[in-house]
Protein backbone atom coordinates (compact mmCIF):
# COMPACT_ATOMS: atom_id res chain seq x y z
CA UNK A 1 98.29 6.88 21.14
CA UNK A 2 97.27 3.37 20.07
CA UNK A 3 93.63 2.35 20.14
CA UNK A 4 92.88 -0.24 22.79
CA UNK A 5 92.52 -3.71 21.35
CA UNK A 6 89.11 -5.30 21.10
CA UNK A 7 88.72 -7.91 23.89
CA UNK A 8 87.51 -10.48 21.39
CA UNK A 9 90.68 -10.07 19.31
CA UNK A 10 92.86 -11.51 22.05
CA UNK A 11 94.43 -14.88 21.23
CA UNK A 12 92.60 -16.80 24.03
CA UNK A 13 89.13 -15.44 23.31
CA UNK A 14 87.12 -17.30 20.72
CA UNK A 15 83.65 -16.19 19.78
CA UNK A 16 81.04 -18.32 21.51
CA UNK A 17 78.32 -19.88 19.36
CA UNK A 18 74.88 -18.42 19.86
CA UNK A 19 72.61 -20.85 21.66
CA UNK A 20 69.28 -21.39 20.00
CA UNK A 21 66.24 -20.48 22.02
CA UNK A 22 63.67 -23.12 22.89
CA UNK A 23 60.91 -21.02 21.33
CA UNK A 24 60.47 -22.97 18.08
CA UNK A 25 59.70 -26.17 19.99
CA UNK A 26 57.22 -24.52 22.36
CA UNK A 27 55.12 -22.73 19.73
CA UNK A 28 53.39 -25.86 18.38
CA UNK A 29 52.58 -26.91 21.94
CA UNK A 30 51.06 -23.51 22.68
CA UNK A 31 49.01 -23.73 19.49
CA UNK A 32 47.70 -27.15 20.44
CA UNK A 33 46.85 -25.89 23.91
CA UNK A 34 44.80 -23.07 22.39
CA UNK A 35 43.03 -25.50 20.07
CA UNK A 36 42.12 -27.81 22.94
CA UNK A 37 40.88 -24.87 25.00
CA UNK A 38 38.58 -23.84 22.14
CA UNK A 39 37.33 -27.23 20.96
CA UNK A 40 37.19 -29.14 24.26
CA UNK A 41 34.37 -27.20 25.96
CA UNK A 42 32.30 -27.17 22.75
CA UNK A 43 32.55 -30.95 22.29
CA UNK A 44 31.94 -31.57 25.99
CA UNK A 45 28.87 -29.30 25.95
CA UNK A 46 27.59 -31.07 22.85
CA UNK A 47 27.80 -34.51 24.47
CA UNK A 48 26.38 -33.39 27.81
CA UNK A 49 23.51 -31.60 26.07
CA UNK A 50 22.81 -34.64 23.90
CA UNK A 51 22.74 -36.88 26.97
CA UNK A 52 20.32 -34.57 28.84
CA UNK A 53 18.12 -34.36 25.73
CA UNK A 54 17.98 -38.16 25.55
CA UNK A 55 17.03 -38.43 29.22
CA UNK A 56 14.27 -35.79 29.22
CA UNK A 57 13.16 -36.05 25.56
CA UNK A 58 13.76 -32.35 24.90
CA UNK A 59 15.68 -32.57 21.60
CA UNK A 60 17.52 -30.30 20.55
CA UNK A 61 17.30 -27.62 23.23
CA UNK A 62 19.78 -28.86 25.84
CA UNK A 63 22.27 -29.83 23.15
CA UNK A 64 22.07 -26.37 21.56
CA UNK A 65 22.26 -24.60 24.91
CA UNK A 66 25.21 -26.60 26.21
CA UNK A 67 27.05 -26.27 22.88
CA UNK A 68 26.57 -22.51 23.02
CA UNK A 69 27.76 -22.49 26.63
CA UNK A 70 30.83 -24.52 25.58
CA UNK A 71 31.52 -22.02 22.80
CA UNK A 72 31.40 -19.10 25.25
CA UNK A 73 33.58 -21.01 27.72
CA UNK A 74 36.12 -21.87 25.03
CA UNK A 75 36.46 -18.27 23.90
CA UNK A 76 36.71 -17.09 27.50
CA UNK A 77 39.48 -19.59 28.32
CA UNK A 78 41.56 -18.24 25.42
CA UNK A 79 40.83 -14.54 25.94
CA UNK A 80 41.10 -14.49 29.76
CA UNK A 81 44.92 -14.78 29.91
CA UNK A 82 45.23 -11.88 27.46
CA UNK A 83 43.16 -9.50 29.58
CA UNK A 84 44.30 -10.55 33.03
CA UNK A 85 47.98 -11.26 32.46
CA UNK A 86 50.56 -9.44 34.55
CA UNK A 87 52.72 -6.84 32.78
CA UNK A 88 56.33 -7.75 32.13
CA UNK A 89 58.51 -7.34 35.21
CA UNK A 90 61.24 -5.74 33.08
CA UNK A 91 59.03 -2.79 32.16
CA UNK A 92 60.22 0.08 34.35
CA UNK A 93 58.22 2.84 32.66
CA UNK A 94 55.19 2.36 34.94
CA UNK A 95 57.09 1.93 38.19
CA UNK A 96 57.50 4.87 40.53
CA UNK A 97 60.86 5.58 42.07
CA UNK A 98 61.86 7.56 45.14
CA UNK A 99 62.77 10.54 42.96
CA UNK A 100 59.17 10.93 41.63
């Protein structure tokens, strides 16, 4: 008995080129997003604290407090998606079926 031919060996079937994934172009954008999430609240807190200090003559307390608050907020905005993200929908190990 002859072995069945491989479907890709047929004359009309040519191997299709592998399409590149868009991942390499999205990684720098994700890195910039993380950087802005970390630096943005710190800089904003610094400026707001400086402004309040200038208004009430309380240097450097509001600036230090708001900068610290911005630091906490920046870390939280990066860490929050890691803790509260949904599990992958393709993961069937945790799902119950009717046979369980």
